[in-house]
Amino acid sequence: MRKSKNLKKQENEKDSEYDKRIGYRIYKVVKFTGGRLTFQHHREARNDKELEKAYPENVVFKVDEKNKEITYGGRGTSGFTEKVFDAMRYNSYNKNEPWPRLRYSADWLDFAVEGKDFDLKMDGTIKWK
C-alpha cells in the first residue's frame, strides 16, 4: 500500500442503498502516523479550514450507547474512526455526505486495494479481479 492509492471500504451488506452508491466508499491513503492511517474520500477537495467550518467542533453528530452526545470535535480534519456507512445515519448535519477523512488503526482495516483487488475505470466503474 502506498500514499494516494485508492481503496474501497468493504462492508457486510448486500443489495442496499450503499451498494448502489459504491463511490461513497472509495478513499485514498493520505497519511501514515503513529500506527494509524488517514484516508481521504476520493471526491473530497476541501482544505482543513473549510472542513472545520463544515464539521464544527461543538456540533453533536450522534449519541452513543450510554446516551452520551458525541460532537464532531476535530474529526472533520483529523479523520473519523466511524464506519464508512455510518455517515448515511449520523452525518445529517452535512446532508449525509461521506466522511471526508477516516483515521483507522490496523485493527479497523478492511479494504480492497486498487490494482490488486479491483481496477477503477475512467468512467468510474469498478472491475473486480
Protein backbone atom coordinates (compact mmCIF):
# COMPACT_ATOMS: atom_id res chain seq x y z
CA MET A 1 0.00 0.00 0.00
CA ARG A 2 1.29 3.48 -0.77
CA LYS A 3 0.14 7.07 -0.36
CA SER A 4 -2.58 8.20 -2.84
CA LYS A 5 -3.68 4.60 -3.53
CA ASN A 6 -7.46 4.25 -3.93
CA LEU A 7 -9.16 1.80 -1.61
CA LYS A 8 -12.73 0.60 -1.37
CA LYS A 9 -14.07 0.01 2.10
CA GLN A 10 -15.62 -3.44 2.34
CA GLU A 11 -18.86 -3.70 4.27
CA ASN A 12 -21.08 -6.66 5.13
CA GLU A 13 -24.14 -5.52 3.22
CA LYS A 14 -25.93 -6.76 0.11
CA ASP A 15 -28.28 -5.12 -2.39
CA SER A 16 -28.61 -2.00 -0.29
CA GLU A 17 -28.54 1.71 -0.94
CA TYR A 18 -24.83 1.66 -0.11
CA ASP A 19 -24.04 -0.84 -2.87
CA LYS A 20 -25.81 1.39 -5.37
CA ARG A 21 -23.57 4.25 -4.28
CA ILE A 22 -20.23 2.46 -4.45
CA GLY A 23 -18.33 5.72 -4.94
CA TYR A 24 -19.43 6.64 -1.45
CA ARG A 25 -16.86 4.18 -0.10
CA ILE A 26 -13.74 4.92 -2.18
CA TYR A 27 -10.94 6.52 -0.18
CA LYS A 28 -7.25 7.16 -0.79
CA VAL A 29 -4.41 6.94 1.69
CA VAL A 30 -3.13 10.42 2.59
CA LYS A 31 -1.06 9.91 5.74
CA PHE A 32 0.64 7.30 7.93
CA THR A 33 1.20 8.42 11.56
CA GLY A 34 1.64 6.71 14.89
CA GLY A 35 0.32 3.32 13.78
CA ARG A 36 -2.73 4.90 12.16
CA LEU A 37 -3.65 5.51 8.55
CA THR A 38 -5.56 8.57 7.40
CA PHE A 39 -7.75 8.19 4.33
CA GLN A 40 -9.47 10.92 2.34
CA HIS A 41 -12.64 10.41 0.32
CA HIS A 42 -11.75 10.31 -3.37
CA ARG A 43 -14.05 13.27 -4.15
CA GLU A 44 -13.01 15.41 -1.16
CA ALA A 45 -11.20 18.62 -2.14
CA ARG A 46 -11.79 20.93 0.84
CA ASN A 47 -8.82 22.17 2.85
CA ASP A 48 -8.64 21.95 6.65
CA LYS A 49 -10.16 25.41 7.16
CA GLU A 50 -13.22 24.54 5.03
CA LEU A 51 -13.59 21.18 6.80
CA GLU A 52 -13.50 22.93 10.20
CA LYS A 53 -16.46 25.07 9.03
CA ALA A 54 -18.36 22.05 7.69
CA TYR A 55 -17.72 19.98 10.84
CA PRO A 56 -17.83 22.45 13.77
CA GLU A 57 -16.27 21.02 16.92
CA ASN A 58 -19.33 21.64 19.12
CA VAL A 59 -22.00 20.12 16.84
CA VAL A 60 -23.40 16.80 18.10
CA PHE A 61 -23.48 14.15 15.37
CA LYS A 62 -24.53 11.07 17.32
CA VAL A 63 -25.49 9.68 20.72
CA ASP A 64 -23.56 6.63 21.95
CA GLU A 65 -24.93 3.51 23.64
CA LYS A 66 -24.66 5.23 27.06
CA ASN A 67 -26.81 8.12 25.78
CA LYS A 68 -23.81 10.46 25.69
CA GLU A 69 -23.78 13.11 22.95
CA ILE A 70 -20.74 12.88 20.67
CA THR A 71 -19.60 16.07 18.91
CA TYR A 72 -17.59 16.33 15.70
CA GLY A 73 -14.62 17.66 17.69
CA GLY A 74 -11.58 17.64 15.37
CA ARG A 75 -12.79 14.69 13.32
CA GLY A 76 -13.51 16.76 10.20
CA THR A 77 -9.81 17.45 9.71
CA SER A 78 -8.04 14.64 11.57
CA GLY A 79 -10.38 11.85 10.45
CA PHE A 80 -13.40 9.90 11.68
CA THR A 81 -12.99 6.49 13.28
CA GLU A 82 -16.59 5.67 12.38
CA LYS A 83 -17.64 3.02 9.90
CA VAL A 84 -17.99 4.38 6.38
CA PHE A 85 -21.69 3.58 6.03
CA ASP A 86 -22.47 5.31 9.37
CA ALA A 87 -22.21 8.64 7.55
CA MET A 88 -25.59 7.80 6.00
CA ARG A 89 -27.02 7.66 9.52
CA TYR A 90 -25.03 10.19 11.53
CA ASN A 91 -23.89 12.88 9.09
CA SER A 92 -27.26 14.57 8.58
CA TYR A 93 -25.73 17.94 9.57
CA ASN A 94 -23.74 17.66 6.31
CA LYS A 95 -26.53 16.19 4.15
CA ASN A 96 -25.27 12.64 4.79
CA GLU A 97 -22.10 13.18 2.76
CA PRO A 98 -19.37 10.54 3.12
CA TRP A 99 -16.94 11.21 5.96
CA PRO A 100 -14.29 13.47 4.39
CA ARG A 101 -11.45 11.69 6.17
CA LEU A 102 -11.10 8.42 8.04
CA ARG A 103 -8.44 7.58 10.60
CA TYR A 104 -8.06 3.90 11.37
CA SER A 105 -5.61 1.68 13.19
CA ALA A 106 -4.64 -1.67 11.67
CA ASP A 107 -7.44 -3.38 13.65
CA TRP A 108 -10.09 -1.43 11.72
CA LEU A 109 -8.73 -2.05 8.22
CA ASP A 110 -10.99 -3.94 5.84
CA PHE A 111 -10.24 -2.59 2.38
CA ALA A 112 -9.86 -3.79 -1.17
CA VAL A 113 -6.82 -2.22 -2.86
CA GLU A 114 -6.93 -0.71 -6.35
CA GLY A 115 -4.64 -2.59 -8.74
CA LYS A 116 -4.68 -5.70 -6.56
CA ASP A 117 -8.37 -6.40 -5.86
CA PHE A 118 -10.05 -4.13 -8.42
CA ASP A 119 -9.42 -1.64 -11.23
CA LEU A 120 -11.16 1.73 -11.36
CA LYS A 121 -12.08 2.53 -14.96
CA MET A 122 -12.14 6.03 -16.48
CA ASP A 123 -15.97 6.06 -16.47
CA GLY A 124 -15.98 5.36 -12.72
CA THR A 125 -16.99 1.71 -12.95
CA ILE A 126 -15.14 -0.87 -10.88
CA LYS A 127 -13.86 -4.13 -12.37
CA TRP A 128 -13.19 -6.71 -9.67
CA LYS A 129 -10.29 -9.13 -10.15
